[in-house]
C-alpha atoms as a PDB file:
ATOM      1  CA  UNK A   1       4.622  24.223   9.526  1.00  0.00           C
ATOM      2  CA  UNK A   2       3.566  21.631   6.966  1.00  0.00           C
ATOM      3  CA  UNK A   3       1.944  18.331   7.886  1.00  0.00           C
ATOM      4  CA  UNK A   4       4.332  15.377   8.044  1.00  0.00           C
ATOM      5  CA  UNK A   5       4.115  12.782   5.280  1.00  0.00           C
ATOM      6  CA  UNK A   6       2.815   9.361   6.346  1.00  0.00           C
ATOM      7  CA  UNK A   7       3.565   6.318   4.208  1.00  0.00           C
ATOM      8  CA  UNK A   8       2.226   2.784   4.343  1.00  0.00           C
ATOM      9  CA  UNK A   9       4.275   0.298   2.327  1.00  0.00           C
ATOM     10  CA  UNK A  10       2.416  -2.896   1.420  1.00  0.00           C
ATOM     11  CA  UNK A  11       4.551  -5.780   0.174  1.00  0.00           C
ATOM     12  CA  UNK A  12       3.976  -9.438  -0.495  1.00  0.00           C
ATOM     13  CA  UNK A  13       3.996 -12.210  -3.041  1.00  0.00           C
ATOM     14  CA  UNK A  14       1.857 -12.252  -6.142  1.00  0.00           C
ATOM     15  CA  UNK A  15      -1.746 -13.172  -5.358  1.00  0.00           C
ATOM     16  CA  UNK A  16      -1.589 -12.142  -1.694  1.00  0.00           C
ATOM     17  CA  UNK A  17      -3.949  -9.190  -2.204  1.00  0.00           C
ATOM     18  CA  UNK A  18      -1.745  -6.072  -2.178  1.00  0.00           C
ATOM     19  CA  UNK A  19      -3.721  -4.152  -4.810  1.00  0.00           C
ATOM     20  CA  UNK A  20      -7.119  -5.293  -3.570  1.00  0.00           C
ATOM     21  CA  UNK A  21      -6.303  -4.239  -0.007  1.00  0.00           C
ATOM     22  CA  UNK A  22      -4.882  -0.876  -1.133  1.00  0.00           C
ATOM     23  CA  UNK A  23      -7.984  -0.132  -3.195  1.00  0.00           C
ATOM     24  CA  UNK A  24     -10.257  -1.104  -0.284  1.00  0.00           C
ATOM     25  CA  UNK A  25      -8.253   1.121   2.051  1.00  0.00           C
ATOM     26  CA  UNK A  26      -8.754   3.943  -0.424  1.00  0.00           C
ATOM     27  CA  UNK A  27     -12.511   3.355  -0.436  1.00  0.00           C
ATOM     28  CA  UNK A  28     -12.660   3.354   3.376  1.00  0.00           C
ATOM     29  CA  UNK A  29     -10.507   6.471   3.690  1.00  0.00           C
ATOM     30  CA  UNK A  30     -12.452   8.293   0.978  1.00  0.00           C
ATOM     31  CA  UNK A  31     -15.663   7.539   2.870  1.00  0.00           C
ATOM     32  CA  UNK A  32     -14.446   9.852   5.652  1.00  0.00           C
ATOM     33  CA  UNK A  33     -12.852  12.336   3.248  1.00  0.00           C
ATOM     34  CA  UNK A  34      -9.306  11.437   4.384  1.00  0.00           C
ATOM     35  CA  UNK A  35      -6.945  12.834   1.763  1.00  0.00           C
ATOM     36  CA  UNK A  36      -4.546  10.142   0.506  1.00  0.00           C
ATOM     37  CA  UNK A  37      -2.870   8.752  -2.609  1.00  0.00           C
ATOM     38  CA  UNK A  38      -2.360   5.189  -3.827  1.00  0.00           C
ATOM     39  CA  UNK A  39       0.614   4.291  -6.006  1.00  0.00           C
ATOM     40  CA  UNK A  40       1.054   0.829  -7.519  1.00  0.00           C
ATOM     41  CA  UNK A  41       4.813   0.435  -7.442  1.00  0.00           C
ATOM     42  CA  UNK A  42       4.861  -2.692  -9.600  1.00  0.00           C
ATOM     43  CA  UNK A  43       3.852  -0.481 -12.540  1.00  0.00           C
ATOM     44  CA  UNK A  44       6.535   2.192 -12.097  1.00  0.00           C
ATOM     45  CA  UNK A  45       9.188   0.279 -14.027  1.00  0.00           C
ATOM     46  CA  UNK A  46       7.107  -2.149 -16.082  1.00  0.00           C
ATOM     47  CA  UNK A  47       9.044  -2.491 -19.314  1.00  0.00           C
ATOM     48  CA  UNK A  48      10.987  -4.991 -21.362  1.00  0.00           C
ATOM     49  CA  UNK A  49      13.850  -5.412 -20.964  1.00  0.00           C
ATOM     50  CA  UNK A  50      13.401  -4.651 -17.257  1.00  0.00           C
ATOM     51  CA  UNK A  51      15.186  -1.367 -16.349  1.00  0.00           C
ATOM     52  CA  UNK A  52      15.800  -2.384 -12.716  1.00  0.00           C
ATOM     53  CA  UNK A  53      19.477  -1.462 -12.688  1.00  0.00           C
ATOM     54  CA  UNK A  54      18.560   2.167 -13.438  1.00  0.00           C
ATOM     55  CA  UNK A  55      16.378   2.666 -10.369  1.00  0.00           C
ATOM     56  CA  UNK A  56      13.505   3.730 -12.627  1.00  0.00           C
ATOM     57  CA  UNK A  57      10.794   2.784 -10.121  1.00  0.00           C
ATOM     58  CA  UNK A  58      12.332   5.018  -7.457  1.00  0.00           C
ATOM     59  CA  UNK A  59      12.859   7.864  -9.947  1.00  0.00           C
ATOM     60  CA  UNK A  60       9.236   7.639 -11.104  1.00  0.00           C
ATOM     61  CA  UNK A  61       8.009   7.438  -7.504  1.00  0.00           C
ATOM     62  CA  UNK A  62       9.938  10.616  -6.646  1.00  0.00           C
ATOM     63  CA  UNK A  63       8.325  12.493  -9.550  1.00  0.00           C
ATOM     64  CA  UNK A  64       4.818  11.212  -8.856  1.00  0.00           C
ATOM     65  CA  UNK A  65       4.981  11.889  -5.111  1.00  0.00           C
ATOM     66  CA  UNK A  66       6.263  15.422  -5.712  1.00  0.00           C
ATOM     67  CA  UNK A  67       3.131  16.077  -7.792  1.00  0.00           C
ATOM     68  CA  UNK A  68       0.893  14.741  -5.003  1.00  0.00           C
ATOM     69  CA  UNK A  69       2.745  16.835  -2.409  1.00  0.00           C
ATOM     70  CA  UNK A  70       2.266  19.944  -4.511  1.00  0.00           C
ATOM     71  CA  UNK A  71      -1.493  19.317  -4.323  1.00  0.00           C
ATOM     72  CA  UNK A  72      -1.474  18.891  -0.541  1.00  0.00           C
ATOM     73  CA  UNK A  73      -1.457  15.100  -0.186  1.00  0.00           C
ATOM     74  CA  UNK A  74       0.439  13.784   2.844  1.00  0.00           C
ATOM     75  CA  UNK A  75      -0.722  10.156   3.155  1.00  0.00           C
ATOM     76  CA  UNK A  76       0.593   7.550   0.719  1.00  0.00           C
ATOM     77  CA  UNK A  77      -0.352   3.910   0.295  1.00  0.00           C
ATOM     78  CA  UNK A  78       2.391   2.294  -1.778  1.00  0.00           C
ATOM     79  CA  UNK A  79       2.163  -1.282  -3.006  1.00  0.00           C
ATOM     80  CA  UNK A  80       5.046  -3.240  -4.465  1.00  0.00           C
ATOM     81  CA  UNK A  81       6.091  -6.845  -4.083  1.00  0.00           C
ATOM     82  CA  UNK A  82       9.504  -5.934  -2.663  1.00  0.00           C
ATOM     83  CA  UNK A  83       8.661  -2.637  -0.963  1.00  0.00           C
ATOM     84  CA  UNK A  84       9.168  -4.033   2.538  1.00  0.00           C
ATOM     85  CA  UNK A  85      12.732  -5.021   1.625  1.00  0.00           C
ATOM     86  CA  UNK A  86      13.655  -1.658   0.077  1.00  0.00           C
ATOM     87  CA  UNK A  87      12.133   0.839   2.491  1.00  0.00           C
ATOM     88  CA  UNK A  88      15.282   2.975   2.723  1.00  0.00           C
ATOM     89  CA  UNK A  89      15.500   3.444  -1.056  1.00  0.00           C
ATOM     90  CA  UNK A  90      11.791   4.240  -1.303  1.00  0.00           C
ATOM     91  CA  UNK A  91      11.931   6.740   1.560  1.00  0.00           C
ATOM     92  CA  UNK A  92      14.898   8.422  -0.131  1.00  0.00           C
ATOM     93  CA  UNK A  93      12.814   8.700  -3.322  1.00  0.00           C
ATOM     94  CA  UNK A  94       9.875  10.190  -1.410  1.00  0.00           C
ATOM     95  CA  UNK A  95      12.153  12.624   0.382  1.00  0.00           C
ATOM     96  CA  UNK A  96      11.812  14.323   3.718  1.00  0.00           C
ATOM     97  CA  UNK A  97      11.342  12.373   6.925  1.00  0.00           C
ATOM     98  CA  UNK A  98       8.033  10.524   6.516  1.00  0.00           C
ATOM     99  CA  UNK A  99       6.450   8.455   9.249  1.00  0.00           C
ATOM    100  CA  UNK A 100       6.670   4.922   7.830  1.00  0.00           C
ATOM    101  CA  UNK A 101       4.741   1.722   8.453  1.00  0.00           C
ATOM    102  CA  UNK A 102       5.553  -1.382   6.393  1.00  0.00           C
ATOM    103  CA  UNK A 103       3.353  -4.458   6.123  1.00  0.00           C
ATOM    104  CA  UNK A 104       4.152  -7.817   4.541  1.00  0.00           C
ATOM    105  CA  UNK A 105       0.957  -9.573   3.486  1.00  0.00           C
ATOM    106  CA  UNK A 106       1.153 -13.370   3.687  1.00  0.00           C
ATOM    107  CA  UNK A 107      -1.000 -16.358   2.766  1.00  0.00           C
ATOM    108  CA  UNK A 108      -0.635 -20.111   2.383  1.00  0.00           C
ATOM    109  CA  UNK A 109       0.528 -21.657  -0.890  1.00  0.00           C
ATOM    110  CA  UNK A 110      -2.925 -23.219  -1.354  1.00  0.00           C
ATOM    111  CA  UNK A 111      -4.657 -19.857  -0.894  1.00  0.00           C
ATOM    112  CA  UNK A 112      -2.316 -18.202  -3.387  1.00  0.00           C
ATOM    113  CA  UNK A 113      -2.872 -20.986  -5.923  1.00  0.00           C
ATOM    114  CA  UNK A 114      -6.658 -20.544  -5.643  1.00  0.00           C
ATOM    115  CA  UNK A 115      -6.378 -16.794  -6.156  1.00  0.00           C
ATOM    116  CA  UNK A 116      -3.944 -17.003  -9.057  1.00  0.00           C
ATOM    117  CA  UNK A 117      -6.061 -19.654 -10.823  1.00  0.00           C
ATOM    118  CA  UNK A 118      -8.956 -17.173 -10.758  1.00  0.00           C
ATOM    119  CA  UNK A 119      -6.816 -14.253 -11.900  1.00  0.00           C
ATOM    120  CA  UNK A 120      -4.273 -15.607 -14.362  1.00  0.00           C
ATOM    121  CA  UNK A 121      -5.097 -16.773 -17.853  1.00  0.00           C
ATOM    122  CA  UNK A 122      -2.860 -18.354 -20.428  1.00  0.00           C
ATOM    123  CA  UNK A 123      -0.013 -20.829 -20.283  1.00  0.00           C
ATOM    124  CA  UNK A 124       2.163 -19.211 -17.607  1.00  0.00           C
ATOM    125  CA  UNK A 125       0.029 -20.087 -14.553  1.00  0.00           C
ATOM    126  CA  UNK A 126       2.345 -22.773 -13.136  1.00  0.00           C
ATOM    127  CA  UNK A 127       5.383 -20.544 -13.614  1.00  0.00           C
ATOM    128  CA  UNK A 128       3.554 -17.661 -11.930  1.00  0.00           C
ATOM    129  CA  UNK A 129       2.599 -19.842  -8.940  1.00  0.00           C
ATOM    130  CA  UNK A 130       6.186 -21.065  -8.567  1.00  0.00           C
ATOM    131  CA  UNK A 131       7.574 -17.521  -8.832  1.00  0.00           C
ATOM    132  CA  UNK A 132       5.084 -16.386  -6.151  1.00  0.00           C
ATOM    133  CA  UNK A 133       6.174 -19.212  -3.844  1.00  0.00           C
ATOM    134  CA  UNK A 134       9.855 -18.318  -4.261  1.00  0.00           C
ATOM    135  CA  UNK A 135       9.079 -14.632  -3.655  1.00  0.00           C
ATOM    136  CA  UNK A 136       7.289 -15.508  -0.403  1.00  0.00           C
ATOM    137  CA  UNK A 137      10.335 -17.376   0.897  1.00  0.00           C
ATOM    138  CA  UNK A 138      12.673 -14.526  -0.068  1.00  0.00           C
ATOM    139  CA  UNK A 139      10.424 -11.795   1.370  1.00  0.00           C
ATOM    140  CA  UNK A 140      10.041 -13.573   4.697  1.00  0.00           C
ATOM    141  CA  UNK A 141      13.796 -13.964   4.929  1.00  0.00           C
ATOM    142  CA  UNK A 142      14.760 -10.453   3.778  1.00  0.00           C
ATOM    143  CA  UNK A 143      12.011  -8.272   5.281  1.00  0.00           C
ATOM    144  CA  UNK A 144      13.270  -6.674   8.518  1.00  0.00           C
ATOM    145  CA  UNK A 145      11.787  -7.859  11.815  1.00  0.00           C
ATOM    146  CA  UNK A 146      10.057  -4.498  12.367  1.00  0.00           C
ATOM    147  CA  UNK A 147       7.911  -5.079   9.255  1.00  0.00           C
ATOM    148  CA  UNK A 148       4.446  -6.189  10.388  1.00  0.00           C
ATOM    149  CA  UNK A 149       3.281  -9.539   8.995  1.00  0.00           C
ATOM    150  CA  UNK A 150      -0.448  -9.756   8.226  1.00  0.00           C
ATOM    151  CA  UNK A 151      -1.976 -13.087   7.187  1.00  0.00           C
ATOM    152  CA  UNK A 152      -4.655 -12.693   4.499  1.00  0.00           C
ATOM    153  CA  UNK A 153      -5.809 -16.326   4.494  1.00  0.00           C
ATOM    154  CA  UNK A 154      -9.594 -16.748   4.864  1.00  0.00           C
ATOM    155  CA  UNK A 155     -10.114 -13.027   5.538  1.00  0.00           C
ATOM    156  CA  UNK A 156     -12.168 -10.427   3.741  1.00  0.00           C
ATOM    157  CA  UNK A 157     -10.440  -7.610   1.917  1.00  0.00           C
ATOM    158  CA  UNK A 158     -12.436  -5.137   4.030  1.00  0.00           C
ATOM    159  CA  UNK A 159     -11.166  -6.590   7.322  1.00  0.00           C
ATOM    160  CA  UNK A 160      -7.556  -6.574   6.124  1.00  0.00           C
ATOM    161  CA  UNK A 161      -7.914  -2.970   4.943  1.00  0.00           C
ATOM    162  CA  UNK A 162      -9.335  -1.978   8.342  1.00  0.00           C
ATOM    163  CA  UNK A 163      -6.364  -3.610  10.068  1.00  0.00           C
ATOM    164  CA  UNK A 164      -3.857  -1.795   7.847  1.00  0.00           C
ATOM    165  CA  UNK A 165      -5.615   1.531   8.426  1.00  0.00           C
ATOM    166  CA  UNK A 166      -5.251   0.894  12.154  1.00  0.00           C
ATOM    167  CA  UNK A 167      -1.590  -0.118  11.794  1.00  0.00           C
ATOM    168  CA  UNK A 168      -0.903   3.058   9.798  1.00  0.00           C
ATOM    169  CA  UNK A 169      -2.397   5.122  12.627  1.00  0.00           C
ATOM    170  CA  UNK A 170      -5.158   6.471  10.392  1.00  0.00           C
ATOM    171  CA  UNK A 171      -8.090   5.451  12.610  1.00  0.00           C
ATOM    172  CA  UNK A 172      -7.554   8.521  14.747  1.00  0.00           C
ATOM    173  CA  UNK A 173      -9.832  11.466  14.216  1.00  0.00           C
ATOM    174  CA  UNK A 174      -9.405  12.677  10.671  1.00  0.00           C
ATOM    175  CA  UNK A 175     -10.239  16.262   9.832  1.00  0.00           C
ATOM    176  CA  UNK A 176     -12.594  16.424   6.917  1.00  0.00           C
ATOM    177  CA  UNK A 177     -11.830  19.048   4.297  1.00  0.00           C
ATOM    178  CA  UNK A 178     -15.314  20.370   3.467  1.00  0.00           C
ATOM    179  CA  UNK A 179     -16.255  22.509   0.505  1.00  0.00           C
ATOM    180  CA  UNK A 180     -16.061  26.266   1.045  1.00  0.00           C
ATOM    181  CA  UNK A 181     -18.906  27.516   3.229  1.00  0.00           C
ATOM    182  CA  UNK A 182     -19.471  24.187   5.029  1.00  0.00           C
ATOM    183  CA  UNK A 183     -18.579  23.860   8.713  1.00  0.00           C
ATOM    184  CA  UNK A 184     -15.638  21.487   9.382  1.00  0.00           C
ATOM    185  CA  UNK A 185     -16.429  18.145  10.981  1.00  0.00           C
ATOM    186  CA  UNK A 186     -14.423  15.329  12.470  1.00  0.00           C
ATOM    187  CA  UNK A 187     -15.093  11.704  11.632  1.00  0.00           C
ATOM    188  CA  UNK A 188     -13.957   8.280  12.682  1.00  0.00           C
ATOM    189  CA  UNK A 189     -13.709   5.347  10.289  1.00  0.00           C
ATOM    190  CA  UNK A 190     -16.169   3.500  12.519  1.00  0.00           C
ATOM    191  CA  UNK A 191     -18.858   5.947  13.540  1.00  0.00           C
ATOM    192  CA  UNK A 192     -20.516   9.144  12.547  1.00  0.00           C
ATOM    193  CA  UNK A 193     -19.459  12.732  12.132  1.00  0.00           C
ATOM    194  CA  UNK A 194     -19.892  15.597  14.544  1.00  0.00           C
ATOM    195  CA  UNK A 195     -19.313  19.325  14.272  1.00  0.00           C
ATOM    196  CA  UNK A 196     -16.020  20.702  15.621  1.00  0.00           C
END
């Protein structure tokens, strides 16, 4: 019987920290040899003109995830601005019956402005800030109640990543997949390893 797929969807407005948190989660999970994949959904249909009406992001996700599954991956961290509002479509693309956790990252307008000022260059900053503000209002309204809201204001990326790992249920004992000839161990994200 194959291991069940587990998916963490991370959504939120531009500048809220989706990518940074996903990458930090990956670092923390890799530290205990927890097999996982990270897919940046915002890049799956990045084109002009936007091909949104063709469901290209979902089609590309289905192809990418199939490749990860074929290699034995069962945990997925998926980031996309709107992922928490389109969970059903994304789960259909992934296939099967994954265990799903969805998190909407939030922050104040002032915090987002500070972050975007540091990140964005060029003449579109004000437009980007306004678009982020409008996205926040829409996401809060459209994201289902069961989606967990996590405030990123005045928090470290590491602490947010730790919280999302806990929410995903990945703090439990994780079996390490050692190289051939090495005895298996079990590890916790906070703590050491011990022989099985």
